[in-house]
Each structure stands twice: as C-alpha cells, then as structure tokens.
Amino acid sequence: MGVHTQGEQVNVTARVSGDFPQSPLQLEHVFQLVDGKIAELQIH
C-alpha cells in the first residue's frame, strides 16, 4: 500500500487478508538496513 524511505530505514505498509479474525489487517513493516542489508525487521 505504501513505501517510505528515510536514510537506512524503510517503512512498508501492507494490507493482509485471509481466514482469520479481524481480517483484513494493515501492517507496518520497518526494515533497518546496514550496508544495504536487512539488519532488523519490526512488524506492527
């Protein structure tokens, strides 16, 4: 749904849906990069 980059941090917002309670959900994935590689991933 959206991507926002700030320095070495990339935020990706996505909607996921399926056969589970509260579907669909909007999740934010926060990637922290170091030397162009994923060093950390948080999902909210």
PDB file of N, CA and C in Angstrom:
ATOM      1  N   MET A   1       0.816  -1.180   0.000  1.00  0.00           N
ATOM      2  CA  MET A   1       0.000   0.000   0.000  1.00  0.00           C
ATOM      3  C   MET A   1       0.862   1.246   0.000  1.00  0.00           C
ATOM      4  N   GLY A   2       2.083   1.119   0.560  1.00  0.00           N
ATOM      5  CA  GLY A   2       2.940   2.284   0.553  1.00  0.00           C
ATOM      6  C   GLY A   2       4.333   1.961   1.049  1.00  0.00           C
ATOM      7  N   VAL A   3       5.297   2.757   0.564  1.00  0.00           N
ATOM      8  CA  VAL A   3       6.697   2.606   0.976  1.00  0.00           C
ATOM      9  C   VAL A   3       7.244   3.995   1.267  1.00  0.00           C
ATOM     10  N   HIS A   4       7.945   4.117   2.387  1.00  0.00           N
ATOM     11  CA  HIS A   4       8.576   5.381   2.753  1.00  0.00           C
ATOM     12  C   HIS A   4      10.003   5.068   3.197  1.00  0.00           C
ATOM     13  N   THR A   5      10.965   5.758   2.600  1.00  0.00           N
ATOM     14  CA  THR A   5      12.373   5.539   2.931  1.00  0.00           C
ATOM     15  C   THR A   5      12.941   6.787   3.585  1.00  0.00           C
ATOM     16  N   GLN A   6      13.660   6.582   4.683  1.00  0.00           N
ATOM     17  CA  GLN A   6      14.348   7.676   5.353  1.00  0.00           C
ATOM     18  C   GLN A   6      15.715   7.165   5.772  1.00  0.00           C
ATOM     19  N   GLY A   7      16.725   7.535   5.020  1.00  0.00           N
ATOM     20  CA  GLY A   7      18.076   7.056   5.309  1.00  0.00           C
ATOM     21  C   GLY A   7      18.161   5.550   5.166  1.00  0.00           C
ATOM     22  N   GLU A   8      18.581   4.883   6.222  1.00  0.00           N
ATOM     23  CA  GLU A   8      18.741   3.427   6.218  1.00  0.00           C
ATOM     24  C   GLU A   8      17.500   2.706   6.744  1.00  0.00           C
ATOM     25  N   GLN A   9      16.384   3.432   6.875  1.00  0.00           N
ATOM     26  CA  GLN A   9      15.142   2.819   7.355  1.00  0.00           C
ATOM     27  C   GLN A   9      14.097   2.856   6.249  1.00  0.00           C
ATOM     28  N   VAL A  10      13.458   1.709   6.024  1.00  0.00           N
ATOM     29  CA  VAL A  10      12.410   1.596   5.017  1.00  0.00           C
ATOM     30  C   VAL A  10      11.140   1.117   5.704  1.00  0.00           C
ATOM     31  N   ASN A  11      10.061   1.891   5.574  1.00  0.00           N
ATOM     32  CA  ASN A  11       8.764   1.524   6.135  1.00  0.00           C
ATOM     33  C   ASN A  11       7.852   1.081   4.999  1.00  0.00           C
ATOM     34  N   VAL A  12       7.285  -0.112   5.132  1.00  0.00           N
ATOM     35  CA  VAL A  12       6.373  -0.660   4.129  1.00  0.00           C
ATOM     36  C   VAL A  12       5.038  -0.934   4.812  1.00  0.00           C
ATOM     37  N   THR A  13       3.972  -0.350   4.284  1.00  0.00           N
ATOM     38  CA  THR A  13       2.630  -0.592   4.804  1.00  0.00           C
ATOM     39  C   THR A  13       1.921  -1.535   3.847  1.00  0.00           C
ATOM     40  N   ALA A  14       1.345  -2.604   4.398  1.00  0.00           N
ATOM     41  CA  ALA A  14       0.677  -3.610   3.567  1.00  0.00           C
ATOM     42  C   ALA A  14      -0.619  -4.048   4.232  1.00  0.00           C
ATOM     43  N   ARG A  15      -1.590  -4.411   3.415  1.00  0.00           N
ATOM     44  CA  ARG A  15      -2.848  -4.957   3.919  1.00  0.00           C
ATOM     45  C   ARG A  15      -2.831  -6.457   3.668  1.00  0.00           C
ATOM     46  N   VAL A  16      -3.103  -7.220   4.720  1.00  0.00           N
ATOM     47  CA  VAL A  16      -3.164  -8.677   4.597  1.00  0.00           C
ATOM     48  C   VAL A  16      -4.578  -9.127   4.940  1.00  0.00           C
ATOM     49  N   SER A  17      -5.047 -10.113   4.197  1.00  0.00           N
ATOM     50  CA  SER A  17      -6.391 -10.628   4.455  1.00  0.00           C
ATOM     51  C   SER A  17      -6.376 -12.136   4.320  1.00  0.00           C
ATOM     52  N   GLY A  18      -7.330 -12.749   4.972  1.00  0.00           N
ATOM     53  CA  GLY A  18      -7.425 -14.200   4.921  1.00  0.00           C
ATOM     54  C   GLY A  18      -8.526 -14.672   5.839  1.00  0.00           C
ATOM     55  N   ASP A  19      -8.479 -15.926   6.164  1.00  0.00           N
ATOM     56  CA  ASP A  19      -9.494 -16.549   7.005  1.00  0.00           C
ATOM     57  C   ASP A  19      -9.036 -16.507   8.463  1.00  0.00           C
ATOM     58  N   PHE A  20      -8.990 -15.301   9.025  1.00  0.00           N
ATOM     59  CA  PHE A  20      -8.590 -15.121  10.416  1.00  0.00           C
ATOM     60  C   PHE A  20      -9.346 -13.924  10.992  1.00  0.00           C
ATOM     61  N   PRO A  21      -9.486 -13.870  12.311  1.00  0.00           N
ATOM     62  CA  PRO A  21     -10.204 -12.758  12.938  1.00  0.00           C
ATOM     63  C   PRO A  21      -9.572 -11.408  12.598  1.00  0.00           C
ATOM     64  N   GLN A  22     -10.395 -10.407  12.479  1.00  0.00           N
ATOM     65  CA  GLN A  22     -10.002  -9.020  12.200  1.00  0.00           C
ATOM     66  C   GLN A  22      -9.436  -8.827  10.801  1.00  0.00           C
ATOM     67  N   SER A  23      -9.657  -9.777   9.904  1.00  0.00           N
ATOM     68  CA  SER A  23      -9.200  -9.636   8.526  1.00  0.00           C
ATOM     69  C   SER A  23     -10.082  -8.614   7.818  1.00  0.00           C
ATOM     70  N   PRO A  24      -9.533  -7.749   6.997  1.00  0.00           N
ATOM     71  CA  PRO A  24      -8.114  -7.554   6.684  1.00  0.00           C
ATOM     72  C   PRO A  24      -7.430  -6.672   7.729  1.00  0.00           C
ATOM     73  N   LEU A  25      -6.116  -6.840   7.825  1.00  0.00           N
ATOM     74  CA  LEU A  25      -5.301  -6.045   8.739  1.00  0.00           C
ATOM     75  C   LEU A  25      -4.329  -5.189   7.948  1.00  0.00           C
ATOM     76  N   GLN A  26      -4.009  -4.031   8.489  1.00  0.00           N
ATOM     77  CA  GLN A  26      -2.965  -3.210   7.901  1.00  0.00           C
ATOM     78  C   GLN A  26      -1.740  -3.343   8.792  1.00  0.00           C
ATOM     79  N   LEU A  27      -0.624  -3.767   8.220  1.00  0.00           N
ATOM     80  CA  LEU A  27       0.615  -3.969   8.969  1.00  0.00           C
ATOM     81  C   LEU A  27       1.689  -3.012   8.467  1.00  0.00           C
ATOM     82  N   GLU A  28       2.506  -2.553   9.384  1.00  0.00           N
ATOM     83  CA  GLU A  28       3.653  -1.735   9.016  1.00  0.00           C
ATOM     84  C   GLU A  28       4.912  -2.552   9.268  1.00  0.00           C
ATOM     85  N   HIS A  29       5.716  -2.708   8.231  1.00  0.00           N
ATOM     86  CA  HIS A  29       6.989  -3.419   8.315  1.00  0.00           C
ATOM     87  C   HIS A  29       8.093  -2.359   8.307  1.00  0.00           C
ATOM     88  N   VAL A  30       8.930  -2.367   9.333  1.00  0.00           N
ATOM     89  CA  VAL A  30      10.011  -1.391   9.446  1.00  0.00           C
ATOM     90  C   VAL A  30      11.332  -2.139   9.287  1.00  0.00           C
ATOM     91  N   PHE A  31      12.005  -1.876   8.178  1.00  0.00           N
ATOM     92  CA  PHE A  31      13.285  -2.507   7.875  1.00  0.00           C
ATOM     93  C   PHE A  31      14.403  -1.534   8.238  1.00  0.00           C
ATOM     94  N   GLN A  32      15.359  -1.991   9.025  1.00  0.00           N
ATOM     95  CA  GLN A  32      16.549  -1.195   9.316  1.00  0.00           C
ATOM     96  C   GLN A  32      17.695  -1.824   8.527  1.00  0.00           C
ATOM     97  N   LEU A  33      18.292  -1.044   7.644  1.00  0.00           N
ATOM     98  CA  LEU A  33      19.357  -1.547   6.781  1.00  0.00           C
ATOM     99  C   LEU A  33      20.723  -1.132   7.312  1.00  0.00           C
ATOM    100  N   VAL A  34      21.704  -1.991   7.088  1.00  0.00           N
ATOM    101  CA  VAL A  34      23.108  -1.690   7.357  1.00  0.00           C
ATOM    102  C   VAL A  34      23.886  -2.193   6.155  1.00  0.00           C
ATOM    103  N   ASP A  35      24.593  -1.296   5.496  1.00  0.00           N
ATOM    104  CA  ASP A  35      25.344  -1.635   4.284  1.00  0.00           C
ATOM    105  C   ASP A  35      24.448  -2.286   3.231  1.00  0.00           C
ATOM    106  N   GLY A  36      23.198  -1.809   3.122  1.00  0.00           N
ATOM    107  CA  GLY A  36      22.283  -2.312   2.107  1.00  0.00           C
ATOM    108  C   GLY A  36      21.643  -3.652   2.415  1.00  0.00           C
ATOM    109  N   LYS A  37      21.876  -4.185   3.610  1.00  0.00           N
ATOM    110  CA  LYS A  37      21.300  -5.474   4.007  1.00  0.00           C
ATOM    111  C   LYS A  37      20.370  -5.270   5.201  1.00  0.00           C
ATOM    112  N   ILE A  38      19.360  -6.129   5.316  1.00  0.00           N
ATOM    113  CA  ILE A  38      18.420  -6.032   6.428  1.00  0.00           C
ATOM    114  C   ILE A  38      19.123  -6.446   7.717  1.00  0.00           C
ATOM    115  N   ALA A  39      19.198  -5.516   8.658  1.00  0.00           N
ATOM    116  CA  ALA A  39      19.799  -5.797   9.960  1.00  0.00           C
ATOM    117  C   ALA A  39      18.728  -6.035  11.014  1.00  0.00           C
ATOM    118  N   GLU A  40      17.544  -5.455  10.788  1.00  0.00           N
ATOM    119  CA  GLU A  40      16.458  -5.576  11.759  1.00  0.00           C
ATOM    120  C   GLU A  40      15.131  -5.416  11.028  1.00  0.00           C
ATOM    121  N   LEU A  41      14.122  -6.154  11.482  1.00  0.00           N
ATOM    122  CA  LEU A  41      12.766  -6.037  10.940  1.00  0.00           C
ATOM    123  C   LEU A  41      11.788  -6.017  12.095  1.00  0.00           C
ATOM    124  N   GLN A  42      10.947  -4.995  12.111  1.00  0.00           N
ATOM    125  CA  GLN A  42       9.860  -4.903  13.087  1.00  0.00           C
ATOM    126  C   GLN A  42       8.549  -4.893  12.317  1.00  0.00           C
ATOM    127  N   ILE A  43       7.557  -5.612  12.831  1.00  0.00           N
ATOM    128  CA  ILE A  43       6.230  -5.632  12.213  1.00  0.00           C
ATOM    129  C   ILE A  43       5.233  -5.176  13.260  1.00  0.00           C
ATOM    130  N   HIS A  44       4.492  -4.127  12.917  1.00  0.00           N
ATOM    131  CA  HIS A  44       3.495  -3.560  13.832  1.00  0.00           C
ATOM    132  C   HIS A  44       2.122  -3.711  13.224  1.00  0.00           C
TER     133      HIS A  44
END
